[in-house]
Amino acid sequence: MAFDDAWRKLDLEQKNPKDKLQVVLSELKDHPFLQDNPVKANEIGEFRIRLLGL
């Protein structure tokens, strides 16, 4: 999944999860799903963080 890959590639130890999420979403700004559904993409990102304990 593109989100998980982007999350793991970034060195974001110092940021809280909400800040990390925004950085990851900005990295994925060209992803078709994010372009078509930005609100849903954010919700799914928050879900993945909780689900995987990222």
PDB file of N, CA and C in Angstrom:
ATOM      1  N   MET A   1       0.851  -1.176   0.000  1.00  0.00           N
ATOM      2  CA  MET A   1       0.000   0.000   0.000  1.00  0.00           C
ATOM      3  C   MET A   1       0.897   1.241   0.000  1.00  0.00           C
ATOM      4  N   ALA A   2       0.578   2.191  -0.836  1.00  0.00           N
ATOM      5  CA  ALA A   2       1.408   3.391  -1.001  1.00  0.00           C
ATOM      6  C   ALA A   2       1.574   4.150   0.307  1.00  0.00           C
ATOM      7  N   PHE A   3       0.509   4.220   1.106  1.00  0.00           N
ATOM      8  CA  PHE A   3       0.579   4.951   2.371  1.00  0.00           C
ATOM      9  C   PHE A   3       1.614   4.330   3.297  1.00  0.00           C
ATOM     10  N   ASP A   4       1.560   3.017   3.464  1.00  0.00           N
ATOM     11  CA  ASP A   4       2.491   2.330   4.366  1.00  0.00           C
ATOM     12  C   ASP A   4       3.930   2.517   3.911  1.00  0.00           C
ATOM     13  N   ASP A   5       4.170   2.406   2.616  1.00  0.00           N
ATOM     14  CA  ASP A   5       5.520   2.583   2.087  1.00  0.00           C
ATOM     15  C   ASP A   5       6.035   3.991   2.347  1.00  0.00           C
ATOM     16  N   ALA A   6       5.205   4.984   2.077  1.00  0.00           N
ATOM     17  CA  ALA A   6       5.610   6.373   2.292  1.00  0.00           C
ATOM     18  C   ALA A   6       5.859   6.641   3.770  1.00  0.00           C
ATOM     19  N   TRP A   7       5.022   6.082   4.622  1.00  0.00           N
ATOM     20  CA  TRP A   7       5.157   6.274   6.072  1.00  0.00           C
ATOM     21  C   TRP A   7       6.504   5.744   6.550  1.00  0.00           C
ATOM     22  N   ARG A   8       6.842   4.564   6.104  1.00  0.00           N
ATOM     23  CA  ARG A   8       8.070   3.909   6.568  1.00  0.00           C
ATOM     24  C   ARG A   8       9.326   4.553   5.990  1.00  0.00           C
ATOM     25  N   LYS A   9       9.243   5.171   4.827  1.00  0.00           N
ATOM     26  CA  LYS A   9      10.410   5.789   4.199  1.00  0.00           C
ATOM     27  C   LYS A   9      10.811   7.087   4.889  1.00  0.00           C
ATOM     28  N   LEU A  10       9.861   7.774   5.469  1.00  0.00           N
ATOM     29  CA  LEU A  10      10.147   9.083   6.051  1.00  0.00           C
ATOM     30  C   LEU A  10      10.707   8.951   7.453  1.00  0.00           C
ATOM     31  N   ASP A  11      11.690   9.774   7.754  1.00  0.00           N
ATOM     32  CA  ASP A  11      12.277   9.807   9.092  1.00  0.00           C
ATOM     33  C   ASP A  11      11.512  10.859   9.888  1.00  0.00           C
ATOM     34  N   LEU A  12      10.494  10.409  10.586  1.00  0.00           N
ATOM     35  CA  LEU A  12       9.602  11.348  11.275  1.00  0.00           C
ATOM     36  C   LEU A  12       9.509  11.046  12.766  1.00  0.00           C
ATOM     37  N   GLU A  13      10.570  10.574  13.341  1.00  0.00           N
ATOM     38  CA  GLU A  13      10.564  10.187  14.753  1.00  0.00           C
ATOM     39  C   GLU A  13      10.082  11.318  15.669  1.00  0.00           C
ATOM     40  N   GLN A  14      10.390  12.534  15.324  1.00  0.00           N
ATOM     41  CA  GLN A  14      10.110  13.655  16.208  1.00  0.00           C
ATOM     42  C   GLN A  14       8.702  14.213  16.081  1.00  0.00           C
ATOM     43  N   LYS A  15       7.957  13.785  15.094  1.00  0.00           N
ATOM     44  CA  LYS A  15       6.633  14.366  14.870  1.00  0.00           C
ATOM     45  C   LYS A  15       5.534  13.492  15.468  1.00  0.00           C
ATOM     46  N   ASN A  16       4.428  14.141  15.814  1.00  0.00           N
ATOM     47  CA  ASN A  16       3.282  13.376  16.304  1.00  0.00           C
ATOM     48  C   ASN A  16       2.557  12.758  15.108  1.00  0.00           C
ATOM     49  N   PRO A  17       1.699  11.778  15.341  1.00  0.00           N
ATOM     50  CA  PRO A  17       1.048  11.077  14.222  1.00  0.00           C
ATOM     51  C   PRO A  17       0.258  11.974  13.267  1.00  0.00           C
ATOM     52  N   LYS A  18      -0.422  12.988  13.774  1.00  0.00           N
ATOM     53  CA  LYS A  18      -1.188  13.871  12.876  1.00  0.00           C
ATOM     54  C   LYS A  18      -0.259  14.661  11.955  1.00  0.00           C
ATOM     55  N   ASP A  19       0.871  15.122  12.491  1.00  0.00           N
ATOM     56  CA  ASP A  19       1.840  15.830  11.650  1.00  0.00           C
ATOM     57  C   ASP A  19       2.450  14.884  10.621  1.00  0.00           C
ATOM     58  N   LYS A  20       2.770  13.660  11.055  1.00  0.00           N
ATOM     59  CA  LYS A  20       3.321  12.672  10.133  1.00  0.00           C
ATOM     60  C   LYS A  20       2.338  12.383   9.008  1.00  0.00           C
ATOM     61  N   LEU A  21       1.073  12.264   9.359  1.00  0.00           N
ATOM     62  CA  LEU A  21       0.049  11.981   8.360  1.00  0.00           C
ATOM     63  C   LEU A  21       0.033  13.069   7.288  1.00  0.00           C
ATOM     64  N   GLN A  22       0.111  14.312   7.698  1.00  0.00           N
ATOM     65  CA  GLN A  22       0.098  15.400   6.727  1.00  0.00           C
ATOM     66  C   GLN A  22       1.326  15.358   5.817  1.00  0.00           C
ATOM     67  N   VAL A  23       2.483  15.001   6.381  1.00  0.00           N
ATOM     68  CA  VAL A  23       3.698  14.884   5.572  1.00  0.00           C
ATOM     69  C   VAL A  23       3.544  13.755   4.555  1.00  0.00           C
ATOM     70  N   VAL A  24       3.039  12.620   5.012  1.00  0.00           N
ATOM     71  CA  VAL A  24       2.857  11.479   4.110  1.00  0.00           C
ATOM     72  C   VAL A  24       1.857  11.813   3.010  1.00  0.00           C
ATOM     73  N   LEU A  25       0.751  12.424   3.367  1.00  0.00           N
ATOM     74  CA  LEU A  25      -0.241  12.784   2.343  1.00  0.00           C
ATOM     75  C   LEU A  25       0.332  13.779   1.340  1.00  0.00           C
ATOM     76  N   SER A  26       1.179  14.673   1.792  1.00  0.00           N
ATOM     77  CA  SER A  26       1.793  15.609   0.845  1.00  0.00           C
ATOM     78  C   SER A  26       2.770  14.872  -0.074  1.00  0.00           C
ATOM     79  N   GLU A  27       3.421  13.823   0.448  1.00  0.00           N
ATOM     80  CA  GLU A  27       4.303  13.002  -0.392  1.00  0.00           C
ATOM     81  C   GLU A  27       3.507  12.245  -1.454  1.00  0.00           C
ATOM     82  N   LEU A  28       2.273  11.918  -1.136  1.00  0.00           N
ATOM     83  CA  LEU A  28       1.415  11.145  -2.039  1.00  0.00           C
ATOM     84  C   LEU A  28       0.453  12.032  -2.835  1.00  0.00           C
ATOM     85  N   LYS A  29       0.733  13.307  -2.914  1.00  0.00           N
ATOM     86  CA  LYS A  29      -0.197  14.267  -3.520  1.00  0.00           C
ATOM     87  C   LYS A  29      -0.586  13.927  -4.955  1.00  0.00           C
ATOM     88  N   ASP A  30       0.235  13.168  -5.658  1.00  0.00           N
ATOM     89  CA  ASP A  30      -0.072  12.807  -7.041  1.00  0.00           C
ATOM     90  C   ASP A  30      -0.828  11.485  -7.152  1.00  0.00           C
ATOM     91  N   HIS A  31      -1.081  10.835  -6.038  1.00  0.00           N
ATOM     92  CA  HIS A  31      -1.798   9.555  -6.063  1.00  0.00           C
ATOM     93  C   HIS A  31      -3.256   9.823  -6.468  1.00  0.00           C
ATOM     94  N   PRO A  32      -3.776   9.060  -7.417  1.00  0.00           N
ATOM     95  CA  PRO A  32      -5.141   9.306  -7.919  1.00  0.00           C
ATOM     96  C   PRO A  32      -6.218   9.289  -6.824  1.00  0.00           C
ATOM     97  N   PHE A  33      -6.126   8.367  -5.877  1.00  0.00           N
ATOM     98  CA  PHE A  33      -7.141   8.309  -4.829  1.00  0.00           C
ATOM     99  C   PHE A  33      -7.112   9.569  -3.977  1.00  0.00           C
ATOM    100  N   LEU A  34      -5.926  10.029  -3.625  1.00  0.00           N
ATOM    101  CA  LEU A  34      -5.803  11.246  -2.820  1.00  0.00           C
ATOM    102  C   LEU A  34      -6.331  12.454  -3.589  1.00  0.00           C
ATOM    103  N   GLN A  35      -6.089  12.506  -4.867  1.00  0.00           N
ATOM    104  CA  GLN A  35      -6.581  13.624  -5.664  1.00  0.00           C
ATOM    105  C   GLN A  35      -8.107  13.619  -5.762  1.00  0.00           C
ATOM    106  N   ASP A  36      -8.686  12.439  -5.909  1.00  0.00           N
ATOM    107  CA  ASP A  36     -10.135  12.336  -6.072  1.00  0.00           C
ATOM    108  C   ASP A  36     -10.903  12.372  -4.753  1.00  0.00           C
ATOM    109  N   ASN A  37     -10.273  11.919  -3.677  1.00  0.00           N
ATOM    110  CA  ASN A  37     -10.957  11.773  -2.382  1.00  0.00           C
ATOM    111  C   ASN A  37     -10.071  12.223  -1.223  1.00  0.00           C
ATOM    112  N   PRO A  38      -9.702  13.485  -1.149  1.00  0.00           N
ATOM    113  CA  PRO A  38      -8.766  13.906  -0.107  1.00  0.00           C
ATOM    114  C   PRO A  38      -9.277  13.677   1.317  1.00  0.00           C
ATOM    115  N   VAL A  39     -10.552  13.869   1.556  1.00  0.00           N
ATOM    116  CA  VAL A  39     -11.098  13.669   2.904  1.00  0.00           C
ATOM    117  C   VAL A  39     -11.051  12.194   3.272  1.00  0.00           C
ATOM    118  N   LYS A  40     -11.470  11.353   2.354  1.00  0.00           N
ATOM    119  CA  LYS A  40     -11.461   9.904   2.601  1.00  0.00           C
ATOM    120  C   LYS A  40     -10.020   9.404   2.751  1.00  0.00           C
ATOM    121  N   ALA A  41      -9.099   9.926   1.977  1.00  0.00           N
ATOM    122  CA  ALA A  41      -7.694   9.528   2.087  1.00  0.00           C
ATOM    123  C   ALA A  41      -7.154   9.861   3.478  1.00  0.00           C
ATOM    124  N   ASN A  42      -7.526  11.010   4.008  1.00  0.00           N
ATOM    125  CA  ASN A  42      -7.100  11.390   5.353  1.00  0.00           C
ATOM    126  C   ASN A  42      -7.701  10.431   6.383  1.00  0.00           C
ATOM    127  N   GLU A  43      -8.971  10.106   6.223  1.00  0.00           N
ATOM    128  CA  GLU A  43      -9.626   9.173   7.148  1.00  0.00           C
ATOM    129  C   GLU A  43      -8.964   7.796   7.099  1.00  0.00           C
ATOM    130  N   ILE A  44      -8.640   7.341   5.916  1.00  0.00           N
ATOM    131  CA  ILE A  44      -7.991   6.040   5.780  1.00  0.00           C
ATOM    132  C   ILE A  44      -6.588   6.089   6.380  1.00  0.00           C
ATOM    133  N   GLY A  45      -5.889   7.195   6.191  1.00  0.00           N
ATOM    134  CA  GLY A  45      -4.569   7.352   6.803  1.00  0.00           C
ATOM    135  C   GLY A  45      -4.649   7.265   8.316  1.00  0.00           C
ATOM    136  N   GLU A  46      -5.625   7.946   8.905  1.00  0.00           N
ATOM    137  CA  GLU A  46      -5.799   7.885  10.353  1.00  0.00           C
ATOM    138  C   GLU A  46      -6.129   6.459  10.799  1.00  0.00           C
ATOM    139  N   PHE A  47      -6.952   5.768  10.025  1.00  0.00           N
ATOM    140  CA  PHE A  47      -7.297   4.382  10.334  1.00  0.00           C
ATOM    141  C   PHE A  47      -6.057   3.493  10.279  1.00  0.00           C
ATOM    142  N   ARG A  48      -5.239   3.647   9.238  1.00  0.00           N
ATOM    143  CA  ARG A  48      -4.022   2.824   9.098  1.00  0.00           C
ATOM    144  C   ARG A  48      -3.074   3.066  10.260  1.00  0.00           C
ATOM    145  N   ILE A  49      -2.967   4.293  10.709  1.00  0.00           N
ATOM    146  CA  ILE A  49      -2.101   4.615  11.845  1.00  0.00           C
ATOM    147  C   ILE A  49      -2.572   3.861  13.086  1.00  0.00           C
ATOM    148  N   ARG A  50      -3.866   3.900  13.333  1.00  0.00           N
ATOM    149  CA  ARG A  50      -4.427   3.186  14.507  1.00  0.00           C
ATOM    150  C   ARG A  50      -4.308   1.682  14.334  1.00  0.00           C
ATOM    151  N   LEU A  51      -4.628   1.187  13.150  1.00  0.00           N
ATOM    152  CA  LEU A  51      -4.634  -0.248  12.896  1.00  0.00           C
ATOM    153  C   LEU A  51      -3.236  -0.859  13.044  1.00  0.00           C
ATOM    154  N   LEU A  52      -2.259  -0.202  12.484  1.00  0.00           N
ATOM    155  CA  LEU A  52      -0.910  -0.742  12.458  1.00  0.00           C
ATOM    156  C   LEU A  52      -0.039  -0.228  13.598  1.00  0.00           C
ATOM    157  N   GLY A  53      -0.582   0.681  14.405  1.00  0.00           N
ATOM    158  CA  GLY A  53       0.215   1.239  15.493  1.00  0.00           C
ATOM    159  C   GLY A  53       1.427   2.010  14.980  1.00  0.00           C
ATOM    160  N   LEU A  54       1.235   2.697  13.870  1.00  0.00           N
ATOM    161  CA  LEU A  54       2.346   3.442  13.267  1.00  0.00           C
ATOM    162  C   LEU A  54       2.664   4.706  14.047  1.00  0.00           C
TER     163      LEU A  54
END
